[in-house]
């Protein structure tokens, strides 16, 4: 990662193909944000390529690349999912799922041949992808007395903080979006305002 609060991923779905001794390896790369999406996508690809013999995949999820899985789907262990994952890692990207569907051509490729084929297919899908760098943000709800309005707005303006869901009354309330690298500094400044409280909202966002 270039910075502590950025990560690289793909912007949209991309595809590629690799052919070897009659077999076709169709690769599709999908941007994903959690494991709940994986099964639905894999099932849809199985239906779309129902004549394919194998649907092997790997995924990496998390801004620190902490969650990953591989699946060889009947191919010899280590010959499909791991080569796919290797391409994800070598490109330094996360929040991605790559599925490679193999249409068998009648000729066995052997272990080294399979590893190269799945690696090359995954690489071809990434060659067609637009890789983007996203900023990690956290959302906070802040509440403060109306008397603190000027101080709050002064800080938010000086730090160029994104605001939403604003409510101004005797007690004011709004959501703010903080870049992770600036979070501690900004929350420290806001904490100096009498009566201000904040809480982390459950969903982290990126831009």
C-alpha atoms as a PDB file:
ATOM      1  CA  UNK A   1       0.000   0.000   0.000  1.00  0.00           C
ATOM      2  CA  UNK A   2       1.191   3.472  -0.815  1.00  0.00           C
ATOM      3  CA  UNK A   3      -0.181   4.982   2.428  1.00  0.00           C
ATOM      4  CA  UNK A   4      -1.488   3.634   5.711  1.00  0.00           C
ATOM      5  CA  UNK A   5      -5.073   4.501   4.802  1.00  0.00           C
ATOM      6  CA  UNK A   6      -5.252   3.533   1.142  1.00  0.00           C
ATOM      7  CA  UNK A   7      -5.643   0.246  -0.688  1.00  0.00           C
ATOM      8  CA  UNK A   8      -5.662  -0.938  -4.290  1.00  0.00           C
ATOM      9  CA  UNK A   9      -8.584  -2.791  -5.843  1.00  0.00           C
ATOM     10  CA  UNK A  10     -10.346  -3.130  -9.206  1.00  0.00           C
ATOM     11  CA  UNK A  11     -12.988  -0.623 -10.252  1.00  0.00           C
ATOM     12  CA  UNK A  12     -15.353  -3.050 -11.990  1.00  0.00           C
ATOM     13  CA  UNK A  13     -15.721  -6.590 -13.321  1.00  0.00           C
ATOM     14  CA  UNK A  14     -13.100  -7.650 -15.860  1.00  0.00           C
ATOM     15  CA  UNK A  15     -12.410 -10.870 -17.746  1.00  0.00           C
ATOM     16  CA  UNK A  16      -9.642 -12.702 -19.551  1.00  0.00           C
ATOM     17  CA  UNK A  17      -8.905 -16.034 -21.210  1.00  0.00           C
ATOM     18  CA  UNK A  18      -6.022 -18.478 -21.523  1.00  0.00           C
ATOM     19  CA  UNK A  19      -5.895 -21.476 -23.864  1.00  0.00           C
ATOM     20  CA  UNK A  20      -3.680 -24.533 -23.564  1.00  0.00           C
ATOM     21  CA  UNK A  21      -3.883 -27.851 -25.473  1.00  0.00           C
ATOM     22  CA  UNK A  22      -7.570 -27.501 -26.212  1.00  0.00           C
ATOM     23  CA  UNK A  23      -8.572 -26.408 -22.713  1.00  0.00           C
ATOM     24  CA  UNK A  24      -9.993 -22.923 -22.233  1.00  0.00           C
ATOM     25  CA  UNK A  25      -9.591 -21.084 -18.956  1.00  0.00           C
ATOM     26  CA  UNK A  26     -12.070 -18.215 -18.641  1.00  0.00           C
ATOM     27  CA  UNK A  27     -11.186 -15.806 -15.841  1.00  0.00           C
ATOM     28  CA  UNK A  28     -13.468 -13.213 -14.298  1.00  0.00           C
ATOM     29  CA  UNK A  29     -12.397 -10.706 -11.632  1.00  0.00           C
ATOM     30  CA  UNK A  30     -14.997  -9.100  -9.372  1.00  0.00           C
ATOM     31  CA  UNK A  31     -14.689  -6.249  -6.845  1.00  0.00           C
ATOM     32  CA  UNK A  32     -16.082  -7.479  -3.505  1.00  0.00           C
ATOM     33  CA  UNK A  33     -16.276  -6.076   0.011  1.00  0.00           C
ATOM     34  CA  UNK A  34     -17.324  -9.032   2.172  1.00  0.00           C
ATOM     35  CA  UNK A  35     -17.588 -12.828   2.115  1.00  0.00           C
ATOM     36  CA  UNK A  36     -21.370 -12.770   1.835  1.00  0.00           C
ATOM     37  CA  UNK A  37     -21.010 -11.757  -1.814  1.00  0.00           C
ATOM     38  CA  UNK A  38     -18.669 -14.599  -2.738  1.00  0.00           C
ATOM     39  CA  UNK A  39     -21.108 -17.534  -2.807  1.00  0.00           C
ATOM     40  CA  UNK A  40     -23.674 -15.622  -4.856  1.00  0.00           C
ATOM     41  CA  UNK A  41     -21.073 -14.652  -7.455  1.00  0.00           C
ATOM     42  CA  UNK A  42     -19.572 -18.143  -7.624  1.00  0.00           C
ATOM     43  CA  UNK A  43     -23.032 -19.697  -8.055  1.00  0.00           C
ATOM     44  CA  UNK A  44     -23.880 -17.266 -10.860  1.00  0.00           C
ATOM     45  CA  UNK A  45     -20.625 -18.079 -12.673  1.00  0.00           C
ATOM     46  CA  UNK A  46     -21.286 -21.819 -12.314  1.00  0.00           C
ATOM     47  CA  UNK A  47     -24.669 -21.329 -13.960  1.00  0.00           C
ATOM     48  CA  UNK A  48     -23.277 -19.113 -16.704  1.00  0.00           C
ATOM     49  CA  UNK A  49     -20.472 -21.568 -17.514  1.00  0.00           C
ATOM     50  CA  UNK A  50     -22.439 -24.718 -16.673  1.00  0.00           C
ATOM     51  CA  UNK A  51     -20.522 -26.787 -19.221  1.00  0.00           C
ATOM     52  CA  UNK A  52     -17.159 -26.004 -17.630  1.00  0.00           C
ATOM     53  CA  UNK A  53     -15.567 -28.840 -15.662  1.00  0.00           C
ATOM     54  CA  UNK A  54     -14.002 -26.724 -12.919  1.00  0.00           C
ATOM     55  CA  UNK A  55     -14.684 -23.329 -11.355  1.00  0.00           C
ATOM     56  CA  UNK A  56     -11.609 -22.472  -9.292  1.00  0.00           C
ATOM     57  CA  UNK A  57     -11.225 -19.232  -7.413  1.00  0.00           C
ATOM     58  CA  UNK A  58      -9.391 -17.138  -4.870  1.00  0.00           C
ATOM     59  CA  UNK A  59     -10.292 -13.974  -3.050  1.00  0.00           C
ATOM     60  CA  UNK A  60      -8.732 -11.369  -0.797  1.00  0.00           C
ATOM     61  CA  UNK A  61     -10.841  -9.101   1.419  1.00  0.00           C
ATOM     62  CA  UNK A  62      -9.862  -6.361   3.846  1.00  0.00           C
ATOM     63  CA  UNK A  63      -7.833  -3.198   3.746  1.00  0.00           C
ATOM     64  CA  UNK A  64      -4.977  -5.023   5.427  1.00  0.00           C
ATOM     65  CA  UNK A  65      -5.452  -8.105   3.215  1.00  0.00           C
ATOM     66  CA  UNK A  66      -6.190 -10.187   6.284  1.00  0.00           C
ATOM     67  CA  UNK A  67      -8.902 -12.458   4.859  1.00  0.00           C
ATOM     68  CA  UNK A  68      -8.298 -14.801   1.931  1.00  0.00           C
ATOM     69  CA  UNK A  69      -9.433 -18.187   0.631  1.00  0.00           C
ATOM     70  CA  UNK A  70      -8.608 -20.478  -2.287  1.00  0.00           C
ATOM     71  CA  UNK A  71     -10.668 -23.247  -3.912  1.00  0.00           C
ATOM     72  CA  UNK A  72      -9.316 -25.812  -6.391  1.00  0.00           C
ATOM     73  CA  UNK A  73     -12.781 -27.244  -7.200  1.00  0.00           C
ATOM     74  CA  UNK A  74     -11.531 -30.735  -8.003  1.00  0.00           C
ATOM     75  CA  UNK A  75      -8.245 -29.821  -9.619  1.00  0.00           C
ATOM     76  CA  UNK A  76      -5.097 -31.289  -7.955  1.00  0.00           C
ATOM     77  CA  UNK A  77      -4.434 -29.510  -4.661  1.00  0.00           C
ATOM     78  CA  UNK A  78      -2.473 -26.294  -5.062  1.00  0.00           C
ATOM     79  CA  UNK A  79      -2.694 -26.122  -8.848  1.00  0.00           C
ATOM     80  CA  UNK A  80      -5.535 -23.614  -9.251  1.00  0.00           C
ATOM     81  CA  UNK A  81      -6.611 -21.503  -6.274  1.00  0.00           C
ATOM     82  CA  UNK A  82      -3.123 -20.665  -5.081  1.00  0.00           C
ATOM     83  CA  UNK A  83      -1.808 -19.557  -8.492  1.00  0.00           C
ATOM     84  CA  UNK A  84      -4.876 -17.307  -8.770  1.00  0.00           C
ATOM     85  CA  UNK A  85      -4.215 -15.907  -5.296  1.00  0.00           C
ATOM     86  CA  UNK A  86      -0.593 -15.392  -6.272  1.00  0.00           C
ATOM     87  CA  UNK A  87      -1.660 -12.988  -9.002  1.00  0.00           C
ATOM     88  CA  UNK A  88      -3.846 -11.053  -6.569  1.00  0.00           C
ATOM     89  CA  UNK A  89      -0.916 -10.722  -4.179  1.00  0.00           C
ATOM     90  CA  UNK A  90       1.630  -9.844  -6.862  1.00  0.00           C
ATOM     91  CA  UNK A  91      -0.586  -6.978  -8.038  1.00  0.00           C
ATOM     92  CA  UNK A  92      -0.949  -5.726  -4.461  1.00  0.00           C
ATOM     93  CA  UNK A  93      -4.749  -5.598  -4.589  1.00  0.00           C
ATOM     94  CA  UNK A  94      -7.551  -6.563  -2.215  1.00  0.00           C
ATOM     95  CA  UNK A  95     -11.358  -6.676  -2.071  1.00  0.00           C
ATOM     96  CA  UNK A  96     -11.292  -8.905  -5.134  1.00  0.00           C
ATOM     97  CA  UNK A  97     -12.547 -12.317  -6.235  1.00  0.00           C
ATOM     98  CA  UNK A  98     -11.137 -14.088  -9.303  1.00  0.00           C
ATOM     99  CA  UNK A  99     -12.913 -17.149 -10.681  1.00  0.00           C
ATOM    100  CA  UNK A 100     -11.393 -19.267 -13.451  1.00  0.00           C
ATOM    101  CA  UNK A 101     -13.761 -21.656 -15.266  1.00  0.00           C
ATOM    102  CA  UNK A 102     -12.036 -24.471 -17.167  1.00  0.00           C
ATOM    103  CA  UNK A 103     -13.467 -26.088 -20.254  1.00  0.00           C
ATOM    104  CA  UNK A 104     -11.495 -29.333 -20.561  1.00  0.00           C
ATOM    105  CA  UNK A 105      -9.962 -29.934 -23.986  1.00  0.00           C
ATOM    106  CA  UNK A 106      -9.219 -33.633 -23.619  1.00  0.00           C
ATOM    107  CA  UNK A 107      -5.494 -33.390 -22.875  1.00  0.00           C
ATOM    108  CA  UNK A 108      -4.100 -33.524 -19.340  1.00  0.00           C
ATOM    109  CA  UNK A 109      -1.793 -30.631 -18.584  1.00  0.00           C
ATOM    110  CA  UNK A 110       0.024 -31.992 -15.552  1.00  0.00           C
ATOM    111  CA  UNK A 111       0.681 -30.129 -12.332  1.00  0.00           C
ATOM    112  CA  UNK A 112       3.036 -27.508 -13.771  1.00  0.00           C
ATOM    113  CA  UNK A 113       0.781 -26.988 -16.784  1.00  0.00           C
ATOM    114  CA  UNK A 114      -2.256 -26.393 -14.571  1.00  0.00           C
ATOM    115  CA  UNK A 115      -0.404 -23.975 -12.319  1.00  0.00           C
ATOM    116  CA  UNK A 116       0.734 -21.957 -15.331  1.00  0.00           C
ATOM    117  CA  UNK A 117      -2.726 -22.030 -16.918  1.00  0.00           C
ATOM    118  CA  UNK A 118      -4.591 -20.773 -13.855  1.00  0.00           C
ATOM    119  CA  UNK A 119      -1.890 -18.198 -13.161  1.00  0.00           C
ATOM    120  CA  UNK A 120      -2.011 -16.947 -16.765  1.00  0.00           C
ATOM    121  CA  UNK A 121      -5.813 -16.833 -16.856  1.00  0.00           C
ATOM    122  CA  UNK A 122      -5.966 -14.825 -13.629  1.00  0.00           C
ATOM    123  CA  UNK A 123      -3.268 -12.483 -14.939  1.00  0.00           C
ATOM    124  CA  UNK A 124      -5.232 -11.928 -18.158  1.00  0.00           C
ATOM    125  CA  UNK A 125      -8.302 -10.798 -16.210  1.00  0.00           C
ATOM    126  CA  UNK A 126      -6.202  -8.324 -14.236  1.00  0.00           C
ATOM    127  CA  UNK A 127      -4.573  -6.994 -17.400  1.00  0.00           C
ATOM    128  CA  UNK A 128      -8.051  -5.924 -18.517  1.00  0.00           C
ATOM    129  CA  UNK A 129      -8.989  -4.430 -15.138  1.00  0.00           C
ATOM    130  CA  UNK A 130      -8.805  -0.815 -14.073  1.00  0.00           C
ATOM    131  CA  UNK A 131      -6.944  -0.809 -10.771  1.00  0.00           C
ATOM    132  CA  UNK A 132      -7.800   2.076  -8.469  1.00  0.00           C
ATOM    133  CA  UNK A 133      -6.487   3.337  -5.135  1.00  0.00           C
ATOM    134  CA  UNK A 134      -9.188   3.926  -2.537  1.00  0.00           C
ATOM    135  CA  UNK A 135      -9.018   5.956   0.644  1.00  0.00           C
ATOM    136  CA  UNK A 136     -10.169   4.295   3.864  1.00  0.00           C
ATOM    137  CA  UNK A 137     -12.640   6.415   5.805  1.00  0.00           C
ATOM    138  CA  UNK A 138     -14.576   6.043   9.043  1.00  0.00           C
ATOM    139  CA  UNK A 139     -17.967   7.581   9.754  1.00  0.00           C
ATOM    140  CA  UNK A 140     -18.720   9.202  13.101  1.00  0.00           C
ATOM    141  CA  UNK A 141     -21.837  10.742  14.545  1.00  0.00           C
ATOM    142  CA  UNK A 142     -21.110  13.842  16.598  1.00  0.00           C
ATOM    143  CA  UNK A 143     -23.505  15.630  18.947  1.00  0.00           C
ATOM    144  CA  UNK A 144     -22.833  18.983  20.602  1.00  0.00           C
ATOM    145  CA  UNK A 145     -24.706  21.914  22.126  1.00  0.00           C
ATOM    146  CA  UNK A 146     -25.805  24.723  19.846  1.00  0.00           C
ATOM    147  CA  UNK A 147     -23.351  26.992  21.623  1.00  0.00           C
ATOM    148  CA  UNK A 148     -20.490  24.958  20.176  1.00  0.00           C
ATOM    149  CA  UNK A 149     -21.651  25.357  16.567  1.00  0.00           C
ATOM    150  CA  UNK A 150     -19.056  27.935  15.515  1.00  0.00           C
ATOM    151  CA  UNK A 151     -16.173  25.963  17.001  1.00  0.00           C
ATOM    152  CA  UNK A 152     -17.312  22.728  15.328  1.00  0.00           C
ATOM    153  CA  UNK A 153     -17.783  24.365  11.941  1.00  0.00           C
ATOM    154  CA  UNK A 154     -14.418  26.073  12.167  1.00  0.00           C
ATOM    155  CA  UNK A 155     -12.670  22.727  12.682  1.00  0.00           C
ATOM    156  CA  UNK A 156     -14.649  20.940   9.988  1.00  0.00           C
ATOM    157  CA  UNK A 157     -13.944  23.697   7.477  1.00  0.00           C
ATOM    158  CA  UNK A 158     -10.225  23.890   8.258  1.00  0.00           C
ATOM    159  CA  UNK A 159      -9.867  20.119   7.939  1.00  0.00           C
ATOM    160  CA  UNK A 160     -12.153  19.873   4.881  1.00  0.00           C
ATOM    161  CA  UNK A 161     -14.364  17.278   6.568  1.00  0.00           C
ATOM    162  CA  UNK A 162     -17.293  15.694   4.721  1.00  0.00           C
ATOM    163  CA  UNK A 163     -20.629  16.170   6.566  1.00  0.00           C
ATOM    164  CA  UNK A 164     -24.090  14.589   6.257  1.00  0.00           C
ATOM    165  CA  UNK A 165     -27.343  14.017   8.184  1.00  0.00           C
ATOM    166  CA  UNK A 166     -27.168  17.403   9.880  1.00  0.00           C
ATOM    167  CA  UNK A 167     -29.676  18.408  12.549  1.00  0.00           C
ATOM    168  CA  UNK A 168     -29.439  21.784  14.305  1.00  0.00           C
ATOM    169  CA  UNK A 169     -31.361  22.377  17.514  1.00  0.00           C
ATOM    170  CA  UNK A 170     -30.503  22.921  21.161  1.00  0.00           C
ATOM    171  CA  UNK A 171     -28.487  19.774  20.658  1.00  0.00           C
ATOM    172  CA  UNK A 172     -26.920  19.566  17.214  1.00  0.00           C
ATOM    173  CA  UNK A 173     -26.126  16.335  15.435  1.00  0.00           C
ATOM    174  CA  UNK A 174     -24.315  15.357  12.242  1.00  0.00           C
ATOM    175  CA  UNK A 175     -22.314  12.564  10.636  1.00  0.00           C
ATOM    176  CA  UNK A 176     -18.756  13.202   9.555  1.00  0.00           C
ATOM    177  CA  UNK A 177     -16.425  11.174   7.365  1.00  0.00           C
ATOM    178  CA  UNK A 178     -12.794  11.026   8.420  1.00  0.00           C
ATOM    179  CA  UNK A 179      -9.807   9.818   6.480  1.00  0.00           C
ATOM    180  CA  UNK A 180      -8.169   7.172   8.657  1.00  0.00           C
ATOM    181  CA  UNK A 181      -4.756   8.848   8.730  1.00  0.00           C
ATOM    182  CA  UNK A 182      -6.291  12.107  10.028  1.00  0.00           C
ATOM    183  CA  UNK A 183      -8.843  10.553  12.397  1.00  0.00           C
ATOM    184  CA  UNK A 184      -6.973  10.880  15.697  1.00  0.00           C
ATOM    185  CA  UNK A 185      -5.956  14.487  15.102  1.00  0.00           C
ATOM    186  CA  UNK A 186      -9.471  15.603  14.157  1.00  0.00           C
ATOM    187  CA  UNK A 187     -11.228  13.730  16.970  1.00  0.00           C
ATOM    188  CA  UNK A 188      -8.722  15.237  19.414  1.00  0.00           C
ATOM    189  CA  UNK A 189      -9.555  18.747  18.177  1.00  0.00           C
ATOM    190  CA  UNK A 190     -13.292  18.093  18.369  1.00  0.00           C
ATOM    191  CA  UNK A 191     -12.969  16.634  21.874  1.00  0.00           C
ATOM    192  CA  UNK A 192     -11.783  20.035  23.063  1.00  0.00           C
ATOM    193  CA  UNK A 193     -15.265  21.464  22.447  1.00  0.00           C
ATOM    194  CA  UNK A 194     -17.333  21.445  25.640  1.00  0.00           C
ATOM    195  CA  UNK A 195     -20.242  19.011  25.542  1.00  0.00           C
ATOM    196  CA  UNK A 196     -19.267  17.374  22.243  1.00  0.00           C
ATOM    197  CA  UNK A 197     -19.645  13.616  22.020  1.00  0.00           C
ATOM    198  CA  UNK A 198     -18.892  11.254  19.145  1.00  0.00           C
ATOM    199  CA  UNK A 199     -19.467   7.601  18.302  1.00  0.00           C
ATOM    200  CA  UNK A 200     -18.155   5.418  15.530  1.00  0.00           C
ATOM    201  CA  UNK A 201     -20.819   4.365  13.069  1.00  0.00           C
ATOM    202  CA  UNK A 202     -20.769   0.661  12.158  1.00  0.00           C
ATOM    203  CA  UNK A 203     -19.938   0.936   8.473  1.00  0.00           C
ATOM    204  CA  UNK A 204     -16.531   2.064   7.251  1.00  0.00           C
ATOM    205  CA  UNK A 205     -16.525   3.681   3.836  1.00  0.00           C
ATOM    206  CA  UNK A 206     -13.926   4.335   1.187  1.00  0.00           C
ATOM    207  CA  UNK A 207     -13.788   6.754  -1.695  1.00  0.00           C
END
